Amino acid sequence: MDPRMVRSILKPMWHKVKMEDSKTRIALAEALEALDKQIPKKPNRFFNGIESLKICGCGGDAYGYPSVFNYCPYCGQAIDWE
């Protein structure tokens, strides 16, 4: 199942869980965070004066990421290179 579809199912459940049921709420929050990392995001771009670099939004290493990485090696975010 597509991570976006799973997220659209779980997000409303997170809002409906009562605050007293904190274990379920925490589990849903962690599941949503993990799903967000599976949805590819475009890398940030910046120019360091010599070359244009692409880096993950987590602020990982300033060296940037070659397009051979499908996921950020620092935070695990899926990267959309297109």
C-alpha atoms as a PDB file:
ATOM      1  CA  MET A   1       0.000   0.000   0.000  1.00  0.00           C
ATOM      2  CA  ASP A   2       1.246   3.486  -0.836  1.00  0.00           C
ATOM      3  CA  PRO A   3       2.638   5.398   2.214  1.00  0.00           C
ATOM      4  CA  ARG A   4       0.459   8.416   1.339  1.00  0.00           C
ATOM      5  CA  MET A   5      -2.666   6.257   1.487  1.00  0.00           C
ATOM      6  CA  VAL A   6      -1.662   4.688   4.805  1.00  0.00           C
ATOM      7  CA  ARG A   7      -0.948   8.166   6.193  1.00  0.00           C
ATOM      8  CA  SER A   8      -4.378   9.396   5.113  1.00  0.00           C
ATOM      9  CA  ILE A   9      -5.934   6.501   7.049  1.00  0.00           C
ATOM     10  CA  LEU A  10      -3.831   6.878  10.208  1.00  0.00           C
ATOM     11  CA  LYS A  11      -3.887  10.688  10.536  1.00  0.00           C
ATOM     12  CA  PRO A  12      -7.628  10.914  11.366  1.00  0.00           C
ATOM     13  CA  MET A  13      -7.190   8.059  13.860  1.00  0.00           C
ATOM     14  CA  TRP A  14      -4.464  10.052  15.648  1.00  0.00           C
ATOM     15  CA  HIS A  15      -6.881  12.975  16.080  1.00  0.00           C
ATOM     16  CA  LYS A  16      -9.620  10.685  17.458  1.00  0.00           C
ATOM     17  CA  VAL A  17      -7.487   8.911  20.071  1.00  0.00           C
ATOM     18  CA  LYS A  18      -8.154  10.369  23.502  1.00  0.00           C
ATOM     19  CA  MET A  19      -5.284  11.991  25.340  1.00  0.00           C
ATOM     20  CA  GLU A  20      -5.686   9.415  28.150  1.00  0.00           C
ATOM     21  CA  ASP A  21      -4.652   6.654  25.739  1.00  0.00           C
ATOM     22  CA  SER A  22      -1.146   8.046  25.420  1.00  0.00           C
ATOM     23  CA  LYS A  23       0.536   4.775  24.387  1.00  0.00           C
ATOM     24  CA  THR A  24      -1.714   4.449  21.335  1.00  0.00           C
ATOM     25  CA  ARG A  25      -1.297   8.139  20.526  1.00  0.00           C
ATOM     26  CA  ILE A  26       2.500   7.868  20.761  1.00  0.00           C
ATOM     27  CA  ALA A  27       2.515   4.724  18.597  1.00  0.00           C
ATOM     28  CA  LEU A  28       0.391   6.444  15.945  1.00  0.00           C
ATOM     29  CA  ALA A  29       2.631   9.531  16.029  1.00  0.00           C
ATOM     30  CA  GLU A  30       5.728   7.378  15.501  1.00  0.00           C
ATOM     31  CA  ALA A  31       4.039   5.457  12.692  1.00  0.00           C
ATOM     32  CA  LEU A  32       3.086   8.735  10.979  1.00  0.00           C
ATOM     33  CA  GLU A  33       6.649  10.024  11.328  1.00  0.00           C
ATOM     34  CA  ALA A  34       8.042   6.813   9.792  1.00  0.00           C
ATOM     35  CA  LEU A  35       5.528   7.039   6.940  1.00  0.00           C
ATOM     36  CA  ASP A  36       6.507  10.660   6.273  1.00  0.00           C
ATOM     37  CA  LYS A  37      10.114   9.519   5.771  1.00  0.00           C
ATOM     38  CA  GLN A  38       8.985   7.003   3.139  1.00  0.00           C
ATOM     39  CA  ILE A  39       7.294   9.707   1.045  1.00  0.00           C
ATOM     40  CA  PRO A  40      10.067  11.100  -1.221  1.00  0.00           C
ATOM     41  CA  LYS A  41      10.861  14.806  -0.790  1.00  0.00           C
ATOM     42  CA  LYS A  42      12.932  17.042  -3.032  1.00  0.00           C
ATOM     43  CA  PRO A  43      16.396  17.887  -1.666  1.00  0.00           C
ATOM     44  CA  ASN A  44      17.286  21.466  -0.793  1.00  0.00           C
ATOM     45  CA  ARG A  45      19.703  23.167  -3.162  1.00  0.00           C
ATOM     46  CA  PHE A  46      22.368  25.704  -2.396  1.00  0.00           C
ATOM     47  CA  PHE A  47      25.441  27.097  -4.095  1.00  0.00           C
ATOM     48  CA  ASN A  48      28.676  26.979  -2.122  1.00  0.00           C
ATOM     49  CA  GLY A  49      30.533  29.306  -4.483  1.00  0.00           C
ATOM     50  CA  ILE A  50      31.971  26.477  -6.568  1.00  0.00           C
ATOM     51  CA  GLU A  51      29.140  24.083  -7.276  1.00  0.00           C
ATOM     52  CA  SER A  52      25.432  23.612  -6.726  1.00  0.00           C
ATOM     53  CA  LEU A  53      24.793  21.051  -3.991  1.00  0.00           C
ATOM     54  CA  LYS A  54      21.705  19.114  -3.007  1.00  0.00           C
ATOM     55  CA  ILE A  55      21.176  18.250   0.635  1.00  0.00           C
ATOM     56  CA  CYS A  56      18.365  16.756   2.671  1.00  0.00           C
ATOM     57  CA  GLY A  57      16.144  19.074   4.683  1.00  0.00           C
ATOM     58  CA  CYS A  58      17.444  17.499   7.910  1.00  0.00           C
ATOM     59  CA  GLY A  59      20.562  19.637   7.531  1.00  0.00           C
ATOM     60  CA  GLY A  60      22.848  16.628   7.189  1.00  0.00           C
ATOM     61  CA  ASP A  61      26.351  16.930   5.863  1.00  0.00           C
ATOM     62  CA  ALA A  62      27.061  20.049   3.819  1.00  0.00           C
ATOM     63  CA  TYR A  63      28.767  17.960   1.138  1.00  0.00           C
ATOM     64  CA  GLY A  64      25.398  17.209  -0.380  1.00  0.00           C
ATOM     65  CA  TYR A  65      24.075  13.971  -1.760  1.00  0.00           C
ATOM     66  CA  PRO A  66      24.893  12.383  -5.074  1.00  0.00           C
ATOM     67  CA  SER A  67      21.848  11.078  -6.857  1.00  0.00           C
ATOM     68  CA  VAL A  68      22.873   7.476  -6.115  1.00  0.00           C
ATOM     69  CA  PHE A  69      21.261   7.772  -2.663  1.00  0.00           C
ATOM     70  CA  ASN A  70      17.549   6.987  -2.545  1.00  0.00           C
ATOM     71  CA  TYR A  71      17.433   7.842   1.174  1.00  0.00           C
ATOM     72  CA  CYS A  72      19.275  10.381   3.300  1.00  0.00           C
ATOM     73  CA  PRO A  73      22.055   8.529   5.153  1.00  0.00           C
ATOM     74  CA  TYR A  74      21.539  10.800   8.173  1.00  0.00           C
ATOM     75  CA  CYS A  75      17.784  10.796   8.796  1.00  0.00           C
ATOM     76  CA  GLY A  76      16.411   8.126   6.438  1.00  0.00           C
ATOM     77  CA  GLN A  77      14.166  10.491   4.452  1.00  0.00           C
ATOM     78  CA  ALA A  78      13.357   9.200   0.956  1.00  0.00           C
ATOM     79  CA  ILE A  79      14.746  11.638  -1.633  1.00  0.00           C
ATOM     80  CA  ASP A  80      13.022  12.581  -4.891  1.00  0.00           C
ATOM     81  CA  TRP A  81      15.798  13.463  -7.364  1.00  0.00           C
ATOM     82  CA  GLU A  82      13.516  14.364 -10.281  1.00  0.00           C
END
